[in-house]
Structures are given as C-alpha cells and as structure tokens.
Amino acid sequence: MALLKVLLFPDPRLRTVAEPITQFDDSLKRITNDMLETMYEGSGIGLAATQVNVHKRIIVLDISEDKDNPLILINPKLKKIVDSKKVSYSEGCLSVPGFYEELSRPSSVEIAAFNLEGEEMNIITDDLLSVVIQHEMDHLDGKMMVDFISNIKREMIRKKLNKAKGI
C-alpha cells in the first residue's frame, strides 16, 4: 500500500467529473487500498478518487469508531432520497484541510453501487453515513463542500490555503 497525494482546493483537477469503472481487477483493489491508507493517515472518514487525482468513480469510507469497517463503493449512484428531512453536520474535507462548515443534506438516501468484485449492491443510509456518501459523491461530479457556502467564505478559504502553500 502507498500513501497518495491529496489535491487541495482550489486545484482545478478537483473539478474533473470522474469516469465509471469498467474493469474490476487487481489495479482497482490496489487503488482502493491506497485510498483507504491515505484516508486513515489523514484522519478522514471518506475519500473520493478525484481527491487523489484518479478520475474514476470510486469512494472509500469508514465511519466506525475503531476505523475497522471500511466501505468501498464503485460507480455509486443516488437511487432515491428515502427521507428528505435534512440533517446538519459540520463537514470537513481532506482537500480543504482545517476548515469545517455546517451543511444540511437529506438524512437518508438509497445508493446503488458495486463492490470490488463487480457485484451490485443497494444501500439505504442514514445520518452520518448518508452525509459522508453524499459528500464523496459530490467530489465524483466535480463539486466540493465549498460550493455550498457563501462566495465570501469560499474566497477566504482559498486565500488561506494558497497562503499555506506559499502561493
């Protein structure tokens, strides 16, 4: 396994729309293992392939306390909103380090995806799992949590991150 470089906002590659996976092979297992290692190392609970400059529809996440229950979703699609009641969470992002924003998302969604063996699965999520999956699916479509906040806040974050990178 290897740690991958996480792209940081405002890197334009984060706006790339990811392509579907068509090959369920050892290279897919390798990239998901590397993504999990990168996510755990960064103390994250979710990571989309787009964030590590792999523009494929892959999400890894683990919301367990002990970080021992990873979930890998290949080509995830929103099937339906199960409960449109919104839940608010202070969302962070490995691509926007050090910033958290209170965002509201549907509390329960049904997701269709594939596992590493190419077997289809349907998952009905709720609360934190629902939020994390929606957050990571946004990345696959070139969207980020900063897109859901005011222009002023987004520009402040951009300036602080650029300053930290020496830009």
N, C-alpha and C. Protein backbone atom coordinates (compact mmCIF):
# COMPACT_ATOMS: atom_id res chain seq x y z
N MET A 1 0.85 -1.18 0.00
CA MET A 1 0.00 0.00 0.00
C MET A 1 0.89 1.24 0.00
N ALA A 2 0.31 2.33 -0.47
CA ALA A 2 1.07 3.57 -0.57
C ALA A 2 0.18 4.76 -0.26
N LEU A 3 0.78 5.75 0.38
CA LEU A 3 0.05 7.00 0.61
C LEU A 3 0.00 7.78 -0.69
N LEU A 4 -1.15 8.36 -0.95
CA LEU A 4 -1.37 9.14 -2.16
C LEU A 4 -1.40 10.62 -1.81
N LYS A 5 -1.07 11.47 -2.76
CA LYS A 5 -1.11 12.91 -2.55
C LYS A 5 -2.55 13.39 -2.72
N VAL A 6 -3.07 14.06 -1.70
CA VAL A 6 -4.43 14.60 -1.75
C VAL A 6 -4.36 15.99 -2.38
N LEU A 7 -5.18 16.20 -3.42
CA LEU A 7 -5.27 17.51 -4.05
C LEU A 7 -5.96 18.48 -3.11
N LEU A 8 -5.47 19.72 -3.07
CA LEU A 8 -6.05 20.72 -2.19
C LEU A 8 -6.77 21.79 -2.99
N PHE A 9 -7.93 22.21 -2.46
CA PHE A 9 -8.67 23.33 -3.02
C PHE A 9 -7.75 24.53 -3.08
N PRO A 10 -7.69 25.29 -4.15
CA PRO A 10 -8.58 25.32 -5.31
C PRO A 10 -8.05 24.57 -6.55
N ASP A 11 -7.29 23.52 -6.38
CA ASP A 11 -6.73 22.78 -7.52
C ASP A 11 -7.83 22.47 -8.54
N PRO A 12 -7.66 22.89 -9.79
CA PRO A 12 -8.71 22.69 -10.80
C PRO A 12 -9.01 21.22 -11.10
N ARG A 13 -8.08 20.32 -10.79
CA ARG A 13 -8.33 18.89 -11.03
C ARG A 13 -9.45 18.35 -10.15
N LEU A 14 -9.73 19.05 -9.04
CA LEU A 14 -10.84 18.64 -8.17
C LEU A 14 -12.19 18.86 -8.84
N ARG A 15 -12.22 19.60 -9.94
CA ARG A 15 -13.46 19.88 -10.66
C ARG A 15 -13.72 18.87 -11.79
N THR A 16 -12.83 17.90 -11.95
CA THR A 16 -12.98 16.90 -13.00
C THR A 16 -14.09 15.93 -12.65
N VAL A 17 -14.97 15.66 -13.61
CA VAL A 17 -16.03 14.67 -13.40
C VAL A 17 -15.43 13.29 -13.64
N ALA A 18 -15.59 12.41 -12.67
CA ALA A 18 -14.98 11.08 -12.72
C ALA A 18 -15.69 10.17 -13.73
N GLU A 19 -14.91 9.28 -14.31
CA GLU A 19 -15.42 8.30 -15.28
C GLU A 19 -15.79 6.99 -14.57
N PRO A 20 -16.77 6.28 -15.08
CA PRO A 20 -17.15 4.99 -14.47
C PRO A 20 -16.02 3.95 -14.57
N ILE A 21 -15.98 3.09 -13.61
CA ILE A 21 -15.07 1.94 -13.62
C ILE A 21 -15.67 0.87 -14.51
N THR A 22 -14.84 0.30 -15.37
CA THR A 22 -15.30 -0.78 -16.25
C THR A 22 -14.53 -2.08 -16.00
N GLN A 23 -13.36 -1.97 -15.38
CA GLN A 23 -12.53 -3.15 -15.09
C GLN A 23 -12.45 -3.36 -13.58
N PHE A 24 -12.90 -4.50 -13.14
CA PHE A 24 -12.82 -4.86 -11.72
C PHE A 24 -11.64 -5.83 -11.58
N ASP A 25 -10.45 -5.28 -11.39
CA ASP A 25 -9.24 -6.08 -11.41
C ASP A 25 -8.33 -5.72 -10.24
N ASP A 26 -7.10 -6.26 -10.27
CA ASP A 26 -6.15 -6.02 -9.18
C ASP A 26 -5.77 -4.54 -9.05
N SER A 27 -5.73 -3.82 -10.18
CA SER A 27 -5.38 -2.40 -10.08
C SER A 27 -6.45 -1.62 -9.31
N LEU A 28 -7.70 -2.03 -9.44
CA LEU A 28 -8.79 -1.40 -8.68
C LEU A 28 -8.61 -1.69 -7.18
N LYS A 29 -8.26 -2.91 -6.85
CA LYS A 29 -8.02 -3.26 -5.44
C LYS A 29 -6.84 -2.47 -4.88
N ARG A 30 -5.79 -2.31 -5.69
CA ARG A 30 -4.61 -1.56 -5.26
C ARG A 30 -4.97 -0.10 -4.96
N ILE A 31 -5.68 0.54 -5.90
CA ILE A 31 -6.01 1.96 -5.69
C ILE A 31 -6.94 2.13 -4.49
N THR A 32 -7.89 1.22 -4.28
CA THR A 32 -8.78 1.38 -3.12
C THR A 32 -8.00 1.16 -1.82
N ASN A 33 -7.06 0.22 -1.81
CA ASN A 33 -6.23 0.03 -0.61
C ASN A 33 -5.39 1.28 -0.33
N ASP A 34 -4.81 1.86 -1.38
CA ASP A 34 -4.02 3.08 -1.21
C ASP A 34 -4.91 4.24 -0.74
N MET A 35 -6.12 4.30 -1.28
CA MET A 35 -7.05 5.36 -0.86
C MET A 35 -7.42 5.20 0.62
N LEU A 36 -7.68 3.96 1.04
CA LEU A 36 -8.01 3.73 2.46
C LEU A 36 -6.84 4.14 3.35
N GLU A 37 -5.62 3.75 2.98
CA GLU A 37 -4.45 4.12 3.78
C GLU A 37 -4.32 5.64 3.85
N THR A 38 -4.51 6.31 2.73
CA THR A 38 -4.42 7.77 2.67
C THR A 38 -5.50 8.41 3.55
N MET A 39 -6.72 7.89 3.46
CA MET A 39 -7.83 8.42 4.26
C MET A 39 -7.54 8.26 5.76
N TYR A 40 -7.12 7.05 6.15
CA TYR A 40 -6.83 6.81 7.57
C TYR A 40 -5.67 7.70 8.05
N GLU A 41 -4.63 7.83 7.25
CA GLU A 41 -3.48 8.65 7.62
C GLU A 41 -3.88 10.11 7.82
N GLY A 42 -4.84 10.57 7.01
CA GLY A 42 -5.31 11.95 7.11
C GLY A 42 -6.42 12.15 8.12
N SER A 43 -6.74 11.09 8.89
CA SER A 43 -7.82 11.12 9.89
C SER A 43 -9.16 11.46 9.26
N GLY A 44 -9.35 11.04 8.01
CA GLY A 44 -10.62 11.27 7.34
C GLY A 44 -11.58 10.11 7.55
N ILE A 45 -12.82 10.34 7.15
CA ILE A 45 -13.83 9.27 7.22
C ILE A 45 -14.37 8.94 5.83
N GLY A 46 -13.88 9.66 4.82
CA GLY A 46 -14.27 9.38 3.45
C GLY A 46 -13.27 10.00 2.49
N LEU A 47 -13.15 9.36 1.32
CA LEU A 47 -12.23 9.87 0.30
C LEU A 47 -12.74 9.43 -1.06
N ALA A 48 -12.80 10.37 -1.98
CA ALA A 48 -13.16 10.08 -3.36
C ALA A 48 -11.90 10.04 -4.20
N ALA A 49 -11.90 9.19 -5.22
CA ALA A 49 -10.71 9.03 -6.07
C ALA A 49 -10.29 10.35 -6.69
N THR A 50 -11.23 11.21 -7.01
CA THR A 50 -10.92 12.52 -7.58
C THR A 50 -9.94 13.29 -6.71
N GLN A 51 -10.06 13.14 -5.40
CA GLN A 51 -9.22 13.88 -4.47
C GLN A 51 -7.76 13.45 -4.53
N VAL A 52 -7.48 12.27 -5.08
CA VAL A 52 -6.10 11.80 -5.21
C VAL A 52 -5.71 11.73 -6.69
N ASN A 53 -6.38 12.57 -7.50
CA ASN A 53 -6.10 12.72 -8.92
C ASN A 53 -6.29 11.44 -9.72
N VAL A 54 -7.24 10.62 -9.29
CA VAL A 54 -7.66 9.44 -10.03
C VAL A 54 -9.12 9.71 -10.39
N HIS A 55 -9.38 9.98 -11.64
CA HIS A 55 -10.70 10.46 -12.03
C HIS A 55 -11.62 9.31 -12.45
N LYS A 56 -11.81 8.41 -11.48
CA LYS A 56 -12.69 7.25 -11.61
C LYS A 56 -13.71 7.31 -10.49
N ARG A 57 -14.85 6.67 -10.70
CA ARG A 57 -15.96 6.74 -9.75
C ARG A 57 -15.75 5.72 -8.62
N ILE A 58 -14.87 6.10 -7.69
CA ILE A 58 -14.50 5.26 -6.54
C ILE A 58 -14.61 6.09 -5.27
N ILE A 59 -15.24 5.51 -4.26
CA ILE A 59 -15.32 6.14 -2.94
C ILE A 59 -14.90 5.10 -1.90
N VAL A 60 -14.11 5.54 -0.92
CA VAL A 60 -13.83 4.72 0.24
C VAL A 60 -14.26 5.51 1.47
N LEU A 61 -14.77 4.81 2.47
CA LEU A 61 -15.15 5.49 3.70
C LEU A 61 -15.15 4.51 4.87
N ASP A 62 -15.08 5.08 6.04
CA ASP A 62 -15.14 4.28 7.26
C ASP A 62 -15.54 5.22 8.40
N ILE A 63 -16.79 5.06 8.85
CA ILE A 63 -17.27 5.94 9.93
C ILE A 63 -17.23 5.24 11.28
N SER A 64 -16.63 4.03 11.34
CA SER A 64 -16.58 3.29 12.60
C SER A 64 -15.61 3.96 13.57
N GLU A 65 -15.89 3.80 14.85
CA GLU A 65 -15.04 4.37 15.90
C GLU A 65 -13.61 3.85 15.81
N ASP A 66 -13.47 2.55 15.58
CA ASP A 66 -12.15 1.92 15.59
C ASP A 66 -11.47 1.90 14.23
N LYS A 67 -12.11 2.52 13.23
CA LYS A 67 -11.56 2.55 11.87
C LYS A 67 -11.24 1.14 11.38
N ASP A 68 -12.21 0.25 11.56
CA ASP A 68 -12.01 -1.14 11.17
C ASP A 68 -13.18 -1.69 10.35
N ASN A 69 -13.97 -0.79 9.76
CA ASN A 69 -15.13 -1.22 8.98
C ASN A 69 -15.23 -0.41 7.68
N PRO A 70 -14.22 -0.56 6.80
CA PRO A 70 -14.23 0.23 5.58
C PRO A 70 -15.34 -0.19 4.62
N LEU A 71 -15.83 0.77 3.88
CA LEU A 71 -16.83 0.54 2.85
C LEU A 71 -16.26 1.11 1.55
N ILE A 72 -16.28 0.30 0.51
CA ILE A 72 -15.78 0.72 -0.80
C ILE A 72 -16.96 0.70 -1.76
N LEU A 73 -17.19 1.83 -2.42
CA LEU A 73 -18.29 1.95 -3.37
C LEU A 73 -17.73 2.31 -4.74
N ILE A 74 -18.02 1.46 -5.71
CA ILE A 74 -17.58 1.67 -7.07
C ILE A 74 -18.80 2.08 -7.91
N ASN A 75 -18.65 3.13 -8.69
CA ASN A 75 -19.72 3.67 -9.52
C ASN A 75 -21.01 3.94 -8.73
N PRO A 76 -20.91 4.61 -7.58
CA PRO A 76 -22.12 4.85 -6.79
C PRO A 76 -23.09 5.80 -7.50
N LYS A 77 -24.37 5.51 -7.35
CA LYS A 77 -25.42 6.36 -7.91
C LYS A 77 -26.52 6.53 -6.87
N LEU A 78 -27.04 7.73 -6.81
CA LEU A 78 -28.18 8.01 -5.94
C LEU A 78 -29.42 7.42 -6.59
N LYS A 79 -30.04 6.44 -5.92
CA LYS A 79 -31.27 5.87 -6.45
C LYS A 79 -32.47 6.71 -6.06
N LYS A 80 -32.51 7.05 -4.76
CA LYS A 80 -33.60 7.91 -4.31
C LYS A 80 -33.30 8.48 -2.93
N ILE A 81 -33.97 9.57 -2.66
CA ILE A 81 -33.92 10.15 -1.32
C ILE A 81 -35.00 9.44 -0.52
N VAL A 82 -34.59 8.73 0.51
CA VAL A 82 -35.52 7.94 1.32
C VAL A 82 -36.26 8.85 2.30
N ASP A 83 -35.51 9.76 2.91
CA ASP A 83 -36.10 10.71 3.85
C ASP A 83 -35.54 12.09 3.52
N SER A 84 -36.40 12.98 3.06
CA SER A 84 -35.93 14.30 2.64
C SER A 84 -35.68 15.24 3.82
N LYS A 85 -36.01 14.78 5.04
CA LYS A 85 -35.67 15.58 6.22
C LYS A 85 -34.16 15.81 6.20
N LYS A 86 -33.76 17.04 6.44
CA LYS A 86 -32.35 17.40 6.38
C LYS A 86 -31.68 17.18 7.74
N VAL A 87 -30.43 16.74 7.67
CA VAL A 87 -29.59 16.68 8.87
C VAL A 87 -28.40 17.59 8.63
N SER A 88 -27.96 18.25 9.67
CA SER A 88 -26.82 19.15 9.58
C SER A 88 -25.62 18.53 10.28
N TYR A 89 -24.50 18.60 9.59
CA TYR A 89 -23.23 18.15 10.16
C TYR A 89 -22.18 19.19 9.85
N SER A 90 -21.21 19.28 10.71
CA SER A 90 -20.05 20.11 10.45
C SER A 90 -19.13 19.28 9.56
N GLU A 91 -19.14 19.59 8.27
CA GLU A 91 -18.38 18.79 7.31
C GLU A 91 -16.98 19.34 7.14
N GLY A 92 -16.04 18.42 7.13
CA GLY A 92 -14.65 18.74 6.81
C GLY A 92 -14.30 18.01 5.53
N CYS A 93 -13.10 18.24 5.05
CA CYS A 93 -12.70 17.63 3.79
C CYS A 93 -11.17 17.57 3.75
N LEU A 94 -10.63 16.41 3.36
CA LEU A 94 -9.18 16.29 3.25
C LEU A 94 -8.61 17.23 2.20
N SER A 95 -9.42 17.67 1.25
CA SER A 95 -8.97 18.61 0.23
C SER A 95 -9.13 20.07 0.66
N VAL A 96 -9.74 20.28 1.81
CA VAL A 96 -9.91 21.63 2.37
C VAL A 96 -9.50 21.54 3.86
N PRO A 97 -8.22 21.23 4.11
CA PRO A 97 -7.80 20.94 5.48
C PRO A 97 -7.97 22.11 6.44
N GLY A 98 -8.45 21.77 7.63
CA GLY A 98 -8.57 22.77 8.68
C GLY A 98 -9.85 23.58 8.67
N PHE A 99 -10.73 23.34 7.70
CA PHE A 99 -11.97 24.10 7.61
C PHE A 99 -13.16 23.16 7.74
N TYR A 100 -14.15 23.61 8.49
CA TYR A 100 -15.38 22.85 8.70
C TYR A 100 -16.55 23.79 8.48
N GLU A 101 -17.55 23.29 7.80
CA GLU A 101 -18.74 24.09 7.53
C GLU A 101 -19.98 23.28 7.84
N GLU A 102 -20.93 23.91 8.47
CA GLU A 102 -22.22 23.29 8.79
C GLU A 102 -23.04 23.24 7.51
N LEU A 103 -23.28 22.02 7.02
CA LEU A 103 -24.08 21.82 5.81
C LEU A 103 -25.25 20.90 6.10
N SER A 104 -26.34 21.08 5.38
CA SER A 104 -27.52 20.23 5.54
C SER A 104 -27.70 19.38 4.29
N ARG A 105 -28.00 18.10 4.53
CA ARG A 105 -28.22 17.15 3.44
C ARG A 105 -29.38 16.23 3.83
N PRO A 106 -29.99 15.55 2.85
CA PRO A 106 -31.05 14.59 3.18
C PRO A 106 -30.54 13.55 4.18
N SER A 107 -31.38 13.21 5.16
CA SER A 107 -30.95 12.32 6.23
C SER A 107 -30.84 10.87 5.82
N SER A 108 -31.53 10.48 4.75
CA SER A 108 -31.47 9.08 4.32
C SER A 108 -31.60 9.00 2.80
N VAL A 109 -30.66 8.27 2.20
CA VAL A 109 -30.68 8.07 0.75
C VAL A 109 -30.43 6.60 0.44
N GLU A 110 -30.90 6.19 -0.73
CA GLU A 110 -30.60 4.84 -1.21
C GLU A 110 -29.57 4.97 -2.33
N ILE A 111 -28.51 4.18 -2.21
CA ILE A 111 -27.40 4.22 -3.15
C ILE A 111 -27.28 2.86 -3.83
N ALA A 112 -27.06 2.88 -5.14
CA ALA A 112 -26.69 1.67 -5.88
C ALA A 112 -25.21 1.80 -6.20
N ALA A 113 -24.46 0.73 -6.02
CA ALA A 113 -23.02 0.75 -6.30
C ALA A 113 -22.57 -0.68 -6.55
N PHE A 114 -21.29 -0.82 -6.83
CA PHE A 114 -20.68 -2.13 -6.99
C PHE A 114 -19.60 -2.30 -5.94
N ASN A 115 -19.34 -3.55 -5.56
CA ASN A 115 -18.21 -3.83 -4.68
C ASN A 115 -16.98 -4.12 -5.53
N LEU A 116 -15.87 -4.48 -4.92
CA LEU A 116 -14.62 -4.71 -5.65
C LEU A 116 -14.68 -5.89 -6.61
N GLU A 117 -15.62 -6.79 -6.39
CA GLU A 117 -15.76 -7.95 -7.27
C GLU A 117 -16.72 -7.67 -8.43
N GLY A 118 -17.28 -6.46 -8.47
CA GLY A 118 -18.20 -6.11 -9.54
C GLY A 118 -19.63 -6.53 -9.28
N GLU A 119 -19.92 -6.89 -8.03
CA GLU A 119 -21.28 -7.28 -7.65
C GLU A 119 -22.07 -6.04 -7.25
N GLU A 120 -23.28 -5.94 -7.78
CA GLU A 120 -24.12 -4.79 -7.47
C GLU A 120 -24.66 -4.88 -6.06
N MET A 121 -24.77 -3.72 -5.42
CA MET A 121 -25.35 -3.66 -4.07
C MET A 121 -26.19 -2.40 -3.96
N ASN A 122 -27.18 -2.47 -3.12
CA ASN A 122 -28.01 -1.32 -2.78
C ASN A 122 -27.87 -1.09 -1.29
N ILE A 123 -27.69 0.17 -0.93
CA ILE A 123 -27.50 0.53 0.47
C ILE A 123 -28.48 1.65 0.80
N ILE A 124 -29.22 1.47 1.88
CA ILE A 124 -30.03 2.57 2.41
C ILE A 124 -29.26 3.12 3.59
N THR A 125 -28.93 4.40 3.51
CA THR A 125 -28.09 5.03 4.51
C THR A 125 -28.91 5.96 5.39
N ASP A 126 -28.33 6.32 6.50
CA ASP A 126 -28.95 7.37 7.30
C ASP A 126 -27.88 8.15 8.05
N ASP A 127 -28.26 9.34 8.45
CA ASP A 127 -27.46 10.24 9.26
C ASP A 127 -26.02 10.39 8.73
N LEU A 128 -25.01 10.10 9.57
CA LEU A 128 -23.63 10.37 9.19
C LEU A 128 -23.23 9.61 7.92
N LEU A 129 -23.59 8.34 7.81
CA LEU A 129 -23.23 7.57 6.61
C LEU A 129 -23.83 8.22 5.36
N SER A 130 -25.06 8.66 5.47
CA SER A 130 -25.72 9.33 4.36
C SER A 130 -24.97 10.60 3.96
N VAL A 131 -24.58 11.39 4.93
CA VAL A 131 -23.87 12.64 4.67
C VAL A 131 -22.51 12.38 4.03
N VAL A 132 -21.77 11.42 4.56
CA VAL A 132 -20.43 11.13 4.03
C VAL A 132 -20.53 10.65 2.58
N ILE A 133 -21.45 9.76 2.31
CA ILE A 133 -21.59 9.26 0.93
C ILE A 133 -21.97 10.40 -0.01
N GLN A 134 -22.91 11.25 0.40
CA GLN A 134 -23.30 12.37 -0.46
C GLN A 134 -22.13 13.33 -0.69
N HIS A 135 -21.36 13.59 0.36
CA HIS A 135 -20.19 14.47 0.26
C HIS A 135 -19.19 13.90 -0.76
N GLU A 136 -18.89 12.60 -0.63
CA GLU A 136 -17.91 11.98 -1.52
C GLU A 136 -18.44 11.86 -2.95
N MET A 137 -19.73 11.59 -3.11
CA MET A 137 -20.31 11.54 -4.45
C MET A 137 -20.24 12.91 -5.13
N ASP A 138 -20.37 13.97 -4.36
CA ASP A 138 -20.20 15.32 -4.92
C ASP A 138 -18.82 15.44 -5.57
N HIS A 139 -17.78 14.94 -4.90
CA HIS A 139 -16.42 15.00 -5.45
C HIS A 139 -16.36 14.33 -6.82
N LEU A 140 -17.04 13.21 -6.97
CA LEU A 140 -17.00 12.48 -8.24
C LEU A 140 -17.63 13.28 -9.37
N ASP A 141 -18.47 14.24 -9.01
CA ASP A 141 -19.11 15.11 -10.01
C ASP A 141 -18.43 16.48 -10.10
N GLY A 142 -17.25 16.61 -9.48
CA GLY A 142 -16.51 17.87 -9.55
C GLY A 142 -17.01 18.94 -8.62
N LYS A 143 -17.80 18.55 -7.62
CA LYS A 143 -18.33 19.52 -6.65
C LYS A 143 -17.60 19.34 -5.31
N MET A 144 -17.58 20.42 -4.55
CA MET A 144 -16.93 20.38 -3.24
C MET A 144 -17.81 21.08 -2.20
N MET A 145 -17.50 20.82 -0.94
CA MET A 145 -18.29 21.43 0.13
C MET A 145 -18.24 22.95 0.07
N VAL A 146 -17.16 23.52 -0.47
CA VAL A 146 -17.05 24.98 -0.56
C VAL A 146 -18.05 25.55 -1.56
N ASP A 147 -18.62 24.70 -2.40
CA ASP A 147 -19.62 25.17 -3.36
C ASP A 147 -20.95 25.48 -2.67
N PHE A 148 -21.11 25.02 -1.44
CA PHE A 148 -22.37 25.18 -0.72
C PHE A 148 -22.31 26.28 0.34
N ILE A 149 -21.23 27.06 0.31
CA ILE A 149 -21.10 28.16 1.26
C ILE A 149 -21.04 29.48 0.49
N SER A 150 -21.02 30.58 1.20
CA SER A 150 -21.04 31.89 0.54
C SER A 150 -19.74 32.13 -0.23
N ASN A 151 -19.83 32.99 -1.22
CA ASN A 151 -18.65 33.36 -2.01
C ASN A 151 -17.57 33.98 -1.14
N ILE A 152 -17.97 34.75 -0.15
CA ILE A 152 -17.00 35.41 0.74
C ILE A 152 -16.23 34.36 1.54
N LYS A 153 -16.94 33.40 2.12
CA LYS A 153 -16.26 32.35 2.89
C LYS A 153 -15.36 31.50 2.00
N ARG A 154 -15.85 31.18 0.80
CA ARG A 154 -15.07 30.36 -0.14
C ARG A 154 -13.77 31.08 -0.51
N GLU A 155 -13.86 32.37 -0.78
CA GLU A 155 -12.67 33.15 -1.15
C GLU A 155 -11.70 33.24 0.02
N MET A 156 -12.22 33.37 1.24
CA MET A 156 -11.36 33.40 2.42
C MET A 156 -10.60 32.08 2.56
N ILE A 157 -11.30 30.98 2.37
CA ILE A 157 -10.66 29.66 2.45
C ILE A 157 -9.60 29.52 1.36
N ARG A 158 -9.94 29.93 0.15
CA ARG A 158 -8.99 29.85 -0.98
C ARG A 158 -7.71 30.62 -0.65
N LYS A 159 -7.86 31.84 -0.13
CA LYS A 159 -6.69 32.67 0.19
C LYS A 159 -5.84 32.04 1.29
N LYS A 160 -6.48 31.51 2.33
CA LYS A 160 -5.73 30.89 3.43
C LYS A 160 -4.98 29.65 2.96
N LEU A 161 -5.62 28.82 2.14
CA LEU A 161 -4.96 27.62 1.66
C LEU A 161 -3.84 27.95 0.69
N ASN A 162 -4.04 28.95 -0.17
CA ASN A 162 -2.98 29.37 -1.08
C ASN A 162 -1.79 29.94 -0.31
N LYS A 163 -2.07 30.71 0.76
CA LYS A 163 -1.00 31.27 1.58
C LYS A 163 -0.21 30.16 2.26
N ALA A 164 -0.93 29.13 2.74
CA ALA A 164 -0.27 28.00 3.40
C ALA A 164 0.63 27.24 2.41
N LYS A 165 0.25 27.26 1.11
CA LYS A 165 1.05 26.58 0.08
C LYS A 165 2.14 27.50 -0.46
N GLY A 166 2.17 28.74 0.02
CA GLY A 166 3.18 29.69 -0.43
C GLY A 166 2.85 30.33 -1.77
N ILE A 167 1.57 30.35 -2.11
CA ILE A 167 1.15 30.95 -3.40
C ILE A 167 0.68 32.38 -3.17
